[in-house]
């Protein structure tokens, strides 16, 4: 099975702490940002500011677009393109000393989720090798919604500048085409408007790829499917209700998911509940109220609340229920149309309460989740709430408008990378290097755009000069991402890659509880923070430990 072939997650704090010495040496060994810039943040102390083109790759790099001995990178295979001619050591202006820049730790950039580095390149890139690709450009659409107070393209362009400077795009540059998505009423997805936007991307913007579409409560697949029909790549930044790896495979080679496929999320959630929650007393809920409860329940009763988008799109929770069967759990399931109205939320919550459900798994958009928590407070009903990465239930400030009588009972697993203070994040450093004149936001707004661009840039770089959707896909499936320190200190980032043949970048998750009293990590002006068990140690499906997790045993971090 694919999961078994992946490197296993650590099962306890010892593994995380054992990396301390190595991480310390890493932090001490890397170089600071250019002294002409303002004082750098913590992570920037080992993020070099030099933007020289890479001329030399480490010996362990193996690539179809470079020449090296063996190790990580693109593996040789049938149909591999021949290596390009050597990089000249002289120019028409006369002999010069060639400048070289060894990649940090064998990666293209300092971010531990970076792809392996490739050597600098010169030669014929083939010109217009695909729709949206010319000899000089790779056109990329970037839709945004009215949730932004203004056009975010200047901030996004700073990120694009960084990737153009630091990655090898074989004589081309990413040209960003930002546009305001039409019909931007995210609560009521309109398939015709999403098709209209995809048509604009192909016919007007003439893009090779598109970044993620604005929030449509899981129904964004209509946009991505139309792009695939028009042979345009999409990099999906948020879960869609149909976003399984099998669904993406049906639209190959065009749809790529920056997060974890929802079937991967749901089956891992089911195993997590079986191994860590089922068969125990509900110690994080209550007080328990009539009519279903006559006292403190002796055993948890699991329920699942599933949201359906207003266009009828609904996620398939079978991977979750199949895994719950392993431990004998038959959950009580309530389905409800997505709404952020507390009035609409009252009936689904009442069904769960009347059934005596102690522990609610919410497969919901975060806006609906807030409404459910508020409705539960008025009934009154105080279950344990289990949340996940499906449409943003695992982010700081997610429940900042809810009462702590509910948020004290919020727990779950997160497939996102651990949130860090903004000045310690890779997107912040990239934006500062890409354009120091652009003021980064005071929250993690661009984090999704940075991740989308990192995935896109990785595929473009590893595909080589003859860029097409198929060479992009082949390259990502053959590339082994180095993943140093994945799931461990200092960043506790997720392990990324597509070497399992899938179309989703993330595969592992951390365990968390929510603290509604703590300020957010990325936005300290708003209360609400995701707190990680064991600082953020991560697990894949098959690795979840059989234990009662030590929630709240340490300070929130």
Protein backbone atom coordinates (compact mmCIF):
# COMPACT_ATOMS: atom_id res chain seq x y z
CA UNK A 1 0.00 0.00 0.00
CA UNK A 2 1.23 3.55 -0.75
CA UNK A 3 1.07 4.65 2.88
CA UNK A 4 3.32 1.81 3.97
CA UNK A 5 6.03 2.91 1.57
CA UNK A 6 6.21 6.34 3.11
CA UNK A 7 8.55 7.10 5.94
CA UNK A 8 6.73 6.61 9.21
CA UNK A 9 5.90 9.46 11.56
CA UNK A 10 7.36 9.52 15.07
CA UNK A 11 5.13 8.18 17.77
CA UNK A 12 6.23 10.24 20.71
CA UNK A 13 8.03 13.34 21.91
CA UNK A 14 11.40 11.64 22.06
CA UNK A 15 11.68 11.60 18.28
CA UNK A 16 10.94 15.30 18.08
CA UNK A 17 13.44 16.17 20.80
CA UNK A 18 16.16 13.96 19.30
CA UNK A 19 16.34 16.34 16.35
CA UNK A 20 17.23 19.26 18.63
CA UNK A 21 20.99 19.06 18.22
CA UNK A 22 20.75 18.65 14.45
CA UNK A 23 18.31 21.54 14.14
CA UNK A 24 20.57 23.73 16.27
CA UNK A 25 23.55 23.04 14.02
CA UNK A 26 21.38 23.86 11.00
CA UNK A 27 20.28 27.13 12.48
CA UNK A 28 23.87 28.11 13.33
CA UNK A 29 25.30 27.03 10.00
CA UNK A 30 23.21 29.02 7.54
CA UNK A 31 23.79 32.61 6.49
CA UNK A 32 21.86 35.80 7.39
CA UNK A 33 19.95 38.05 5.01
CA UNK A 34 21.77 40.83 3.18
CA UNK A 35 22.90 43.46 5.64
CA UNK A 36 21.27 46.23 3.63
CA UNK A 37 17.84 44.94 4.59
CA UNK A 38 16.10 45.62 7.92
CA UNK A 39 16.96 43.32 10.85
CA UNK A 40 15.78 39.85 9.83
CA UNK A 41 13.34 37.64 11.72
CA UNK A 42 14.43 34.44 13.38
CA UNK A 43 14.12 32.15 10.36
CA UNK A 44 15.67 34.81 8.14
CA UNK A 45 18.90 34.47 10.07
CA UNK A 46 19.60 31.38 8.00
CA UNK A 47 17.79 32.38 4.79
CA UNK A 48 20.46 33.70 2.39
CA UNK A 49 19.51 36.80 0.44
CA UNK A 50 21.80 36.01 -2.49
CA UNK A 51 19.73 35.55 -5.62
CA UNK A 52 22.53 34.31 -7.92
CA UNK A 53 21.55 31.73 -10.48
CA UNK A 54 22.57 28.24 -9.39
CA UNK A 55 25.53 26.96 -11.41
CA UNK A 56 26.34 23.87 -9.41
CA UNK A 57 24.20 21.17 -7.89
CA UNK A 58 25.30 18.86 -5.10
CA UNK A 59 26.65 15.46 -6.12
CA UNK A 60 23.61 13.64 -4.77
CA UNK A 61 21.31 15.44 -7.22
CA UNK A 62 19.96 13.26 -10.02
CA UNK A 63 18.06 15.08 -12.74
CA UNK A 64 16.87 14.88 -16.29
CA UNK A 65 17.78 18.55 -16.65
CA UNK A 66 21.19 18.49 -14.97
CA UNK A 67 24.25 16.33 -14.58
CA UNK A 68 25.07 14.75 -11.24
CA UNK A 69 25.96 11.45 -9.66
CA UNK A 70 23.11 10.03 -7.63
CA UNK A 71 20.57 10.73 -4.90
CA UNK A 72 17.50 12.90 -4.60
CA UNK A 73 15.87 14.74 -7.47
CA UNK A 74 14.28 13.57 -10.67
CA UNK A 75 15.12 9.94 -11.30
CA UNK A 76 16.29 8.86 -14.71
CA UNK A 77 13.64 7.18 -16.80
CA UNK A 78 12.54 6.30 -20.30
CA UNK A 79 12.28 9.30 -22.56
CA UNK A 80 14.50 11.47 -20.37
CA UNK A 81 15.73 14.52 -22.23
CA UNK A 82 19.50 14.73 -22.83
CA UNK A 83 21.51 17.01 -20.55
CA UNK A 84 21.97 20.58 -21.80
CA UNK A 85 25.34 21.87 -22.99
CA UNK A 86 27.78 22.94 -20.27
CA UNK A 87 27.37 26.42 -18.83
CA UNK A 88 29.92 28.70 -20.56
CA UNK A 89 32.74 30.06 -18.44
CA UNK A 90 33.18 33.12 -20.64
CA UNK A 91 30.90 35.71 -22.22
CA UNK A 92 31.32 37.92 -25.33
CA UNK A 93 32.75 40.61 -23.05
CA UNK A 94 35.72 38.40 -22.20
CA UNK A 95 36.73 35.68 -19.76
CA UNK A 96 35.01 35.76 -16.40
CA UNK A 97 35.18 33.64 -13.28
CA UNK A 98 31.98 31.53 -13.17
CA UNK A 99 29.87 32.18 -10.10
CA UNK A 100 28.44 29.13 -8.36
CA UNK A 101 25.86 28.79 -5.64
CA UNK A 102 25.41 25.45 -3.94
CA UNK A 103 21.81 24.99 -2.85
CA UNK A 104 21.14 25.09 0.90
CA UNK A 105 21.10 21.50 2.07
CA UNK A 106 20.56 20.21 -1.46
CA UNK A 107 17.30 22.14 -1.80
CA UNK A 108 16.51 24.89 -4.28
CA UNK A 109 15.62 27.33 -1.48
CA UNK A 110 15.85 27.29 2.31
CA UNK A 111 12.23 26.23 2.86
CA UNK A 112 12.39 22.56 3.98
CA UNK A 113 9.51 21.78 1.61
CA UNK A 114 11.59 22.96 -1.33
CA UNK A 115 12.32 20.62 -4.24
CA UNK A 116 15.88 19.43 -4.84
CA UNK A 117 18.14 21.92 -6.57
CA UNK A 118 19.10 21.83 -10.22
CA UNK A 119 22.17 23.38 -11.83
CA UNK A 120 22.06 26.66 -13.72
CA UNK A 121 21.04 26.26 -17.35
CA UNK A 122 21.58 27.85 -20.75
CA UNK A 123 20.30 26.64 -24.08
CA UNK A 124 17.20 26.44 -26.27
CA UNK A 125 14.04 26.02 -24.15
CA UNK A 126 11.89 25.15 -27.15
CA UNK A 127 9.93 28.39 -27.17
CA UNK A 128 6.15 27.91 -27.06
CA UNK A 129 6.13 24.34 -25.73
CA UNK A 130 2.55 24.51 -24.41
CA UNK A 131 -0.52 26.71 -24.22
CA UNK A 132 0.36 29.69 -22.00
CA UNK A 133 4.11 29.11 -22.40
CA UNK A 134 6.40 31.17 -24.65
CA UNK A 135 10.16 31.39 -24.93
CA UNK A 136 10.12 34.05 -22.20
CA UNK A 137 6.90 33.59 -20.19
CA UNK A 138 4.78 31.17 -18.20
CA UNK A 139 1.40 32.83 -17.78
CA UNK A 140 -0.34 32.08 -14.48
CA UNK A 141 -3.85 33.24 -13.51
CA UNK A 142 -4.54 34.27 -9.91
CA UNK A 143 -8.24 34.67 -9.05
CA UNK A 144 -9.24 36.48 -5.89
CA UNK A 145 -12.53 37.33 -4.19
CA UNK A 146 -14.12 40.34 -2.55
CA UNK A 147 -13.10 39.01 0.87
CA UNK A 148 -9.89 40.96 0.22
CA UNK A 149 -10.11 44.64 1.14
CA UNK A 150 -8.14 45.37 -2.01
CA UNK A 151 -6.35 43.80 -4.91
CA UNK A 152 -3.80 41.35 -3.40
CA UNK A 153 -1.85 41.09 -6.65
CA UNK A 154 1.02 43.40 -5.51
CA UNK A 155 1.75 41.09 -2.57
CA UNK A 156 1.39 38.04 -4.77
CA UNK A 157 3.67 39.63 -7.36
CA UNK A 158 6.36 40.00 -4.70
CA UNK A 159 6.15 36.25 -4.15
CA UNK A 160 6.34 35.63 -7.91
CA UNK A 161 9.45 37.81 -8.05
CA UNK A 162 11.06 35.59 -5.43
CA UNK A 163 10.34 32.39 -7.34
CA UNK A 164 11.51 33.93 -10.62
CA UNK A 165 14.77 34.88 -8.93
CA UNK A 166 15.47 31.71 -6.99
CA UNK A 167 14.14 28.87 -9.19
CA UNK A 168 15.41 27.62 -12.54
CA UNK A 169 12.75 28.30 -15.17
CA UNK A 170 15.02 27.84 -18.22
CA UNK A 171 14.96 31.35 -19.63
CA UNK A 172 11.32 31.99 -18.73
CA UNK A 173 9.56 33.91 -15.96
CA UNK A 174 6.18 33.43 -14.35
CA UNK A 175 3.88 36.25 -15.44
CA UNK A 176 1.07 36.68 -12.91
CA UNK A 177 -2.41 37.60 -14.15
CA UNK A 178 -4.55 38.51 -11.16
CA UNK A 179 -8.29 38.94 -11.64
CA UNK A 180 -11.43 39.39 -9.53
CA UNK A 181 -13.60 36.27 -9.70
CA UNK A 182 -17.11 36.90 -11.01
CA UNK A 183 -20.32 36.36 -9.07
CA UNK A 184 -18.40 36.48 -5.79
CA UNK A 185 -21.16 35.31 -3.46
CA UNK A 186 -19.23 32.52 -1.80
CA UNK A 187 -22.20 31.24 0.22
CA UNK A 188 -24.09 30.37 -2.97
CA UNK A 189 -21.76 28.73 -5.50
CA UNK A 190 -22.84 29.39 -9.07
CA UNK A 191 -21.40 26.81 -11.49
CA UNK A 192 -22.08 29.04 -14.50
CA UNK A 193 -19.99 31.84 -13.00
CA UNK A 194 -17.12 29.48 -12.22
CA UNK A 195 -17.20 28.21 -15.81
CA UNK A 196 -17.18 31.83 -16.97
CA UNK A 197 -14.04 32.50 -14.94
CA UNK A 198 -12.30 29.39 -16.26
CA UNK A 199 -13.17 30.49 -19.78
CA UNK A 200 -11.61 33.87 -19.06
CA UNK A 201 -8.42 32.18 -17.85
CA UNK A 202 -8.09 30.15 -21.03
CA UNK A 203 -9.42 32.51 -23.71
CA UNK A 204 -8.50 35.96 -22.38
CA UNK A 205 -5.57 35.47 -20.01
CA UNK A 206 -4.22 32.53 -22.05
CA UNK A 207 -2.71 30.97 -18.95
CA UNK A 208 -0.68 27.80 -18.59
CA UNK A 209 -1.91 27.41 -15.00
CA UNK A 210 -4.23 28.93 -12.39
CA UNK A 211 -3.74 29.33 -8.67
CA UNK A 212 -6.55 28.43 -6.26
CA UNK A 213 -10.08 29.74 -6.72
CA UNK A 214 -11.78 31.80 -3.98
CA UNK A 215 -13.84 30.05 -1.32
CA UNK A 216 -17.01 28.42 -2.66
CA UNK A 217 -17.65 26.11 0.33
CA UNK A 218 -16.16 23.04 -1.31
CA UNK A 219 -17.89 23.50 -4.68
CA UNK A 220 -14.88 24.99 -6.48
CA UNK A 221 -14.39 21.81 -8.50
CA UNK A 222 -16.53 23.28 -11.31
CA UNK A 223 -13.83 25.89 -11.98
CA UNK A 224 -10.99 23.37 -11.88
CA UNK A 225 -12.86 20.86 -14.05
CA UNK A 226 -13.49 23.47 -16.73
CA UNK A 227 -9.82 24.42 -16.68
CA UNK A 228 -8.87 20.76 -17.13
CA UNK A 229 -11.27 20.51 -20.06
CA UNK A 230 -9.40 23.45 -21.57
CA UNK A 231 -6.02 21.82 -20.77
CA UNK A 232 -5.02 24.40 -18.14
CA UNK A 233 -3.25 23.29 -14.95
CA UNK A 234 -4.79 24.26 -11.61
CA UNK A 235 -3.06 24.36 -8.24
CA UNK A 236 -5.79 23.86 -5.65
CA UNK A 237 -5.20 25.66 -2.38
CA UNK A 238 -8.23 24.60 -0.34
CA UNK A 239 -10.13 21.33 0.03
CA UNK A 240 -12.99 20.74 -2.38
CA UNK A 241 -15.87 18.46 -1.50
CA UNK A 242 -14.97 16.12 -4.39
CA UNK A 243 -11.22 16.43 -3.91
CA UNK A 244 -10.09 12.83 -3.63
CA UNK A 245 -6.93 11.66 -5.33
CA UNK A 246 -9.06 9.46 -7.57
CA UNK A 247 -11.02 12.53 -8.66
CA UNK A 248 -7.84 14.45 -9.44
CA UNK A 249 -6.50 11.45 -11.36
CA UNK A 250 -9.58 11.52 -13.61
CA UNK A 251 -8.51 15.02 -14.64
CA UNK A 252 -4.82 14.23 -15.04
CA UNK A 253 -2.45 15.84 -15.67
CA UNK A 254 -4.17 19.11 -14.84
CA UNK A 255 -5.37 19.18 -11.20
CA UNK A 256 -2.84 19.42 -8.33
CA UNK A 257 -3.74 19.77 -4.67
CA UNK A 258 -1.48 21.69 -2.30
CA UNK A 259 -3.11 20.10 0.75
CA UNK A 260 -4.16 16.53 1.52
CA UNK A 261 -6.84 14.74 -0.51
CA UNK A 262 -10.09 14.53 1.45
CA UNK A 263 -10.18 10.72 1.33
CA UNK A 264 -6.71 10.72 2.92
CA UNK A 265 -7.95 13.19 5.52
CA UNK A 266 -11.13 11.25 6.31
CA UNK A 267 -9.60 7.81 6.63
CA UNK A 268 -6.88 9.22 8.88
CA UNK A 269 -9.57 10.97 10.94
CA UNK A 270 -11.43 7.68 11.38
CA UNK A 271 -8.29 5.89 12.54
CA UNK A 272 -7.40 8.77 14.86
CA UNK A 273 -10.85 8.57 16.51
CA UNK A 274 -10.65 4.79 16.88
CA UNK A 275 -7.22 4.81 18.44
CA UNK A 276 -7.44 7.92 20.59
CA UNK A 277 -11.11 8.73 21.35
CA UNK A 278 -13.49 5.79 20.94
CA UNK A 279 -14.30 3.53 23.88
CA UNK A 280 -13.51 6.17 26.50
CA UNK A 281 -15.62 8.52 28.62
CA UNK A 282 -16.23 12.01 27.14
CA UNK A 283 -13.90 13.96 29.43
CA UNK A 284 -13.86 17.22 27.44
CA UNK A 285 -17.60 17.88 27.09
CA UNK A 286 -20.50 18.82 29.33
CA UNK A 287 -22.38 19.90 31.29
CA UNK A 288 -24.76 17.29 29.86
CA UNK A 289 -28.36 18.40 29.56
CA UNK A 290 -31.74 16.64 29.05
CA UNK A 291 -33.56 15.21 27.22
CA UNK A 292 -31.04 12.67 25.94
CA UNK A 293 -28.68 12.82 28.91
CA UNK A 294 -29.60 11.70 32.41
CA UNK A 295 -26.09 12.12 33.77
CA UNK A 296 -22.49 12.05 32.70
CA UNK A 297 -22.16 9.52 29.85
CA UNK A 298 -19.97 6.54 30.62
CA UNK A 299 -18.86 6.17 27.02
CA UNK A 300 -18.53 8.44 24.03
CA UNK A 301 -21.21 8.36 21.36
CA UNK A 302 -19.81 9.57 18.02
CA UNK A 303 -21.76 11.69 15.56
CA UNK A 304 -20.81 13.15 12.19
CA UNK A 305 -22.22 16.45 10.95
CA UNK A 306 -21.77 16.74 7.18
CA UNK A 307 -22.22 19.96 5.21
CA UNK A 308 -23.66 20.05 1.72
CA UNK A 309 -22.90 23.09 -0.45
CA UNK A 310 -25.91 24.99 -1.74
CA UNK A 311 -25.33 23.57 -5.25
CA UNK A 312 -25.70 20.02 -3.86
CA UNK A 313 -21.99 19.20 -3.65
CA UNK A 314 -21.26 16.94 -0.67
CA UNK A 315 -18.08 15.17 0.46
CA UNK A 316 -18.04 11.38 0.63
CA UNK A 317 -17.36 10.38 4.25
CA UNK A 318 -17.15 6.64 3.53
CA UNK A 319 -13.36 6.56 4.08
CA UNK A 320 -14.05 7.86 7.59
CA UNK A 321 -16.96 5.55 8.43
CA UNK A 322 -15.11 2.53 7.05
CA UNK A 323 -12.25 3.21 9.44
CA UNK A 324 -14.62 3.79 12.34
CA UNK A 325 -16.06 0.32 11.75
CA UNK A 326 -12.67 -1.14 12.64
CA UNK A 327 -13.27 -0.27 16.28
CA UNK A 328 -17.02 -0.95 16.21
CA UNK A 329 -18.16 2.68 15.96
CA UNK A 330 -21.36 3.28 14.02
CA UNK A 331 -21.72 7.08 14.05
CA UNK A 332 -25.00 8.98 14.06
CA UNK A 333 -24.90 11.05 10.85
CA UNK A 334 -26.64 14.38 10.26
CA UNK A 335 -26.52 16.11 6.88
CA UNK A 336 -27.26 19.82 6.51
CA UNK A 337 -27.06 22.43 3.77
CA UNK A 338 -24.18 24.82 4.35
CA UNK A 339 -25.25 28.00 6.10
CA UNK A 340 -23.67 30.54 8.41
CA UNK A 341 -27.02 31.29 10.04
CA UNK A 342 -27.43 30.27 13.67
CA UNK A 343 -31.12 29.71 12.98
CA UNK A 344 -30.34 27.21 10.21
CA UNK A 345 -27.79 25.54 12.46
CA UNK A 346 -30.24 24.94 15.32
CA UNK A 347 -32.05 21.91 13.88
CA UNK A 348 -28.93 19.85 12.99
CA UNK A 349 -27.52 20.57 16.45
CA UNK A 350 -30.81 19.58 18.09
CA UNK A 351 -30.76 16.25 16.22
CA UNK A 352 -27.31 15.49 17.61
CA UNK A 353 -28.30 16.51 21.13
CA UNK A 354 -31.53 14.51 21.12
CA UNK A 355 -29.63 11.43 19.96
CA UNK A 356 -27.25 11.74 22.91
CA UNK A 357 -24.15 12.36 20.79
CA UNK A 358 -21.25 13.30 23.03
CA UNK A 359 -18.61 13.80 20.34
CA UNK A 360 -19.31 15.57 17.03
CA UNK A 361 -17.03 15.19 14.03
CA UNK A 362 -17.76 18.30 11.97
CA UNK A 363 -17.16 17.88 8.21
CA UNK A 364 -18.09 21.49 7.68
CA UNK A 365 -17.01 24.80 6.30
CA UNK A 366 -15.59 26.90 9.13
CA UNK A 367 -18.36 29.48 8.76
CA UNK A 368 -20.97 26.79 9.35
CA UNK A 369 -18.93 25.39 12.23
CA UNK A 370 -19.14 28.75 14.00
CA UNK A 371 -22.91 28.74 13.55
CA UNK A 372 -23.17 25.21 14.97
CA UNK A 373 -21.14 26.15 18.04
CA UNK A 374 -23.32 29.21 18.65
CA UNK A 375 -26.50 27.17 18.22
CA UNK A 376 -25.20 24.58 20.68
CA UNK A 377 -24.61 27.27 23.30
CA UNK A 378 -28.23 28.41 23.12
CA UNK A 379 -29.80 24.94 23.46
CA UNK A 380 -27.70 24.34 25.74
CA UNK A 381 -25.58 21.47 24.41
CA UNK A 382 -21.87 21.01 25.13
CA UNK A 383 -20.42 18.12 23.13
CA UNK A 384 -16.81 17.49 22.29
CA UNK A 385 -16.12 18.95 18.84
CA UNK A 386 -13.65 17.18 16.58
CA UNK A 387 -12.47 19.41 13.74
CA UNK A 388 -10.08 18.89 10.85
CA UNK A 389 -8.54 20.55 7.83
CA UNK A 390 -11.68 20.33 5.70
CA UNK A 391 -12.33 23.98 4.76
CA UNK A 392 -10.33 25.78 7.42
CA UNK A 393 -11.47 24.37 10.76
CA UNK A 394 -7.86 24.06 11.92
CA UNK A 395 -6.64 27.65 11.63
CA UNK A 396 -5.93 30.29 14.25
CA UNK A 397 -8.85 32.64 14.92
CA UNK A 398 -11.26 30.12 13.34
CA UNK A 399 -13.63 30.38 16.31
CA UNK A 400 -12.78 33.85 17.60
CA UNK A 401 -16.48 34.83 17.59
CA UNK A 402 -17.61 31.79 19.60
CA UNK A 403 -18.02 31.45 23.34
CA UNK A 404 -15.30 29.59 25.20
CA UNK A 405 -17.96 27.23 26.64
CA UNK A 406 -17.78 25.61 23.18
CA UNK A 407 -14.24 26.39 22.02
CA UNK A 408 -12.84 24.78 25.18
CA UNK A 409 -14.18 21.53 23.71
CA UNK A 410 -12.63 21.85 20.22
CA UNK A 411 -9.96 19.28 19.26
CA UNK A 412 -8.86 17.50 16.10
CA UNK A 413 -6.12 16.80 13.59
CA UNK A 414 -4.56 19.22 11.14
CA UNK A 415 -2.94 18.48 7.79
CA UNK A 416 -1.73 22.08 7.59
CA UNK A 417 1.83 23.01 8.42
CA UNK A 418 2.21 24.34 11.92
CA UNK A 419 1.48 28.05 12.19
CA UNK A 420 4.50 30.16 13.09
CA UNK A 421 4.86 33.85 13.93
CA UNK A 422 4.69 35.74 10.64
CA UNK A 423 8.30 36.88 10.70
CA UNK A 424 9.38 33.25 11.08
CA UNK A 425 7.50 32.04 8.01
CA UNK A 426 8.89 31.23 4.60
CA UNK A 427 6.22 33.21 2.75
CA UNK A 428 7.15 36.35 4.69
CA UNK A 429 10.83 35.94 3.85
CA UNK A 430 9.98 35.28 0.21
CA UNK A 431 7.81 38.38 0.00
CA UNK A 432 10.48 40.54 1.63
CA UNK A 433 13.12 39.25 -0.78
CA UNK A 434 10.79 39.49 -3.78
CA UNK A 435 9.93 43.13 -3.21
CA UNK A 436 11.01 44.88 0.00
CA UNK A 437 8.78 47.86 -0.84
CA UNK A 438 5.60 45.77 -0.53
CA UNK A 439 4.20 45.74 2.98
CA UNK A 440 3.30 42.19 4.00
CA UNK A 441 -0.09 41.78 5.72
CA UNK A 442 -0.33 41.33 9.47
CA UNK A 443 -1.87 37.89 9.13
CA UNK A 444 -1.23 34.73 7.15
CA UNK A 445 -3.30 35.76 4.13
CA UNK A 446 -0.62 35.00 1.50
CA UNK A 447 0.37 31.66 3.01
CA UNK A 448 -1.87 29.74 0.58
CA UNK A 449 -0.57 31.70 -2.41
CA UNK A 450 3.03 31.02 -1.40
CA UNK A 451 2.30 27.30 -1.05
CA UNK A 452 0.52 27.20 -4.41
CA UNK A 453 3.42 28.98 -6.08
CA UNK A 454 5.95 26.67 -4.42
CA UNK A 455 4.14 23.63 -5.82
CA UNK A 456 3.85 25.23 -9.25
CA UNK A 457 7.46 26.39 -9.30
CA UNK A 458 8.63 22.92 -8.24
CA UNK A 459 6.85 21.28 -11.16
CA UNK A 460 8.08 23.87 -13.66
CA UNK A 461 11.68 23.59 -12.48
CA UNK A 462 11.78 19.80 -12.38
CA UNK A 463 10.02 19.49 -15.77
CA UNK A 464 12.96 21.06 -17.57
CA UNK A 465 12.97 23.42 -20.56
CA UNK A 466 10.35 21.52 -22.62
CA UNK A 467 7.47 22.51 -20.33
CA UNK A 468 4.03 20.98 -20.95
CA UNK A 469 1.28 19.79 -18.58
CA UNK A 470 2.51 16.22 -19.10
CA UNK A 471 6.19 16.95 -18.44
CA UNK A 472 5.05 18.94 -15.37
CA UNK A 473 3.13 15.89 -14.10
CA UNK A 474 5.87 13.38 -14.94
CA UNK A 475 8.43 15.51 -13.14
CA UNK A 476 6.40 15.85 -9.93
CA UNK A 477 5.74 12.11 -9.84
CA UNK A 478 9.45 11.33 -10.29
CA UNK A 479 10.80 13.96 -7.91
CA UNK A 480 11.78 13.02 -4.37
CA UNK A 481 11.49 16.10 -2.17
CA UNK A 482 14.28 16.16 0.45
CA UNK A 483 11.91 16.93 3.38
CA UNK A 484 14.58 17.57 6.02
CA UNK A 485 13.21 17.52 9.56
CA UNK A 486 9.64 16.80 8.47
CA UNK A 487 7.30 16.59 11.46
CA UNK A 488 10.04 17.62 13.87
CA UNK A 489 11.59 20.73 15.39
CA UNK A 490 12.08 23.51 14.61
CA UNK A 491 9.21 23.88 12.09
CA UNK A 492 7.20 20.63 12.41
CA UNK A 493 6.25 21.01 8.75
CA UNK A 494 4.45 18.27 6.89
CA UNK A 495 6.16 15.83 4.56
CA UNK A 496 5.43 16.73 0.93
CA UNK A 497 5.74 15.01 -2.42
CA UNK A 498 3.96 13.14 -5.19
CA UNK A 499 6.17 10.07 -5.45
CA UNK A 500 3.19 7.88 -4.52
CA UNK A 501 1.73 8.70 -7.94
CA UNK A 502 -1.04 10.86 -6.45
CA UNK A 503 -1.97 14.49 -6.95
CA UNK A 504 -1.96 15.81 -3.37
CA UNK A 505 1.15 17.23 -1.75
CA UNK A 506 0.51 16.60 1.96
CA UNK A 507 -0.11 13.25 3.67
CA UNK A 508 0.49 13.62 7.42
CA UNK A 509 -1.18 15.52 10.26
CA UNK A 510 -0.66 16.76 13.80
CA UNK A 511 -3.01 16.59 16.79
CA UNK A 512 -4.36 19.84 18.21
CA UNK A 513 -6.66 21.49 20.69
CA UNK A 514 -8.09 24.99 20.35
CA UNK A 515 -7.54 27.74 22.91
CA UNK A 516 -10.04 30.56 22.48
CA UNK A 517 -8.32 32.72 25.09
CA UNK A 518 -4.83 32.82 23.57
CA UNK A 519 -3.99 35.36 20.84
CA UNK A 520 -3.47 33.88 17.41
CA UNK A 521 0.04 32.94 16.32
CA UNK A 522 -0.16 34.73 12.97
CA UNK A 523 -2.64 37.46 14.02
CA UNK A 524 -2.17 38.38 17.67
CA UNK A 525 -4.89 41.04 17.48
CA UNK A 526 -7.61 38.36 17.41
CA UNK A 527 -8.08 35.64 20.05
CA UNK A 528 -7.98 31.96 19.18
CA UNK A 529 -4.99 29.69 18.68
CA UNK A 530 -4.42 26.16 17.42
CA UNK A 531 -2.30 24.38 20.06
CA UNK A 532 -0.31 21.30 19.09
CA UNK A 533 0.14 18.11 21.08
CA UNK A 534 3.86 17.41 21.49
CA UNK A 535 4.60 20.71 19.72
CA UNK A 536 3.29 19.38 16.39
CA UNK A 537 4.68 15.85 15.88
CA UNK A 538 2.97 14.43 12.79
CA UNK A 539 1.48 11.07 11.85
CA UNK A 540 0.29 9.38 8.66
CA UNK A 541 -2.52 6.90 8.22
CA UNK A 542 -1.41 3.68 9.89
CA UNK A 543 0.79 5.48 12.39
CA UNK A 544 -1.74 7.02 14.80
CA UNK A 545 -0.80 5.93 18.33
CA UNK A 546 -3.21 4.07 20.59
CA UNK A 547 -3.39 6.49 23.47
CA UNK A 548 -5.34 9.19 25.25
CA UNK A 549 -3.50 12.24 23.85
CA UNK A 550 -1.93 14.63 26.38
CA UNK A 551 -4.11 17.59 25.44
CA UNK A 552 -3.38 20.78 27.38
CA UNK A 553 -0.51 19.06 29.16
CA UNK A 554 1.88 21.77 27.99
CA UNK A 555 1.51 25.47 27.21
CA UNK A 556 -0.15 26.25 23.88
CA UNK A 557 2.37 26.39 21.05
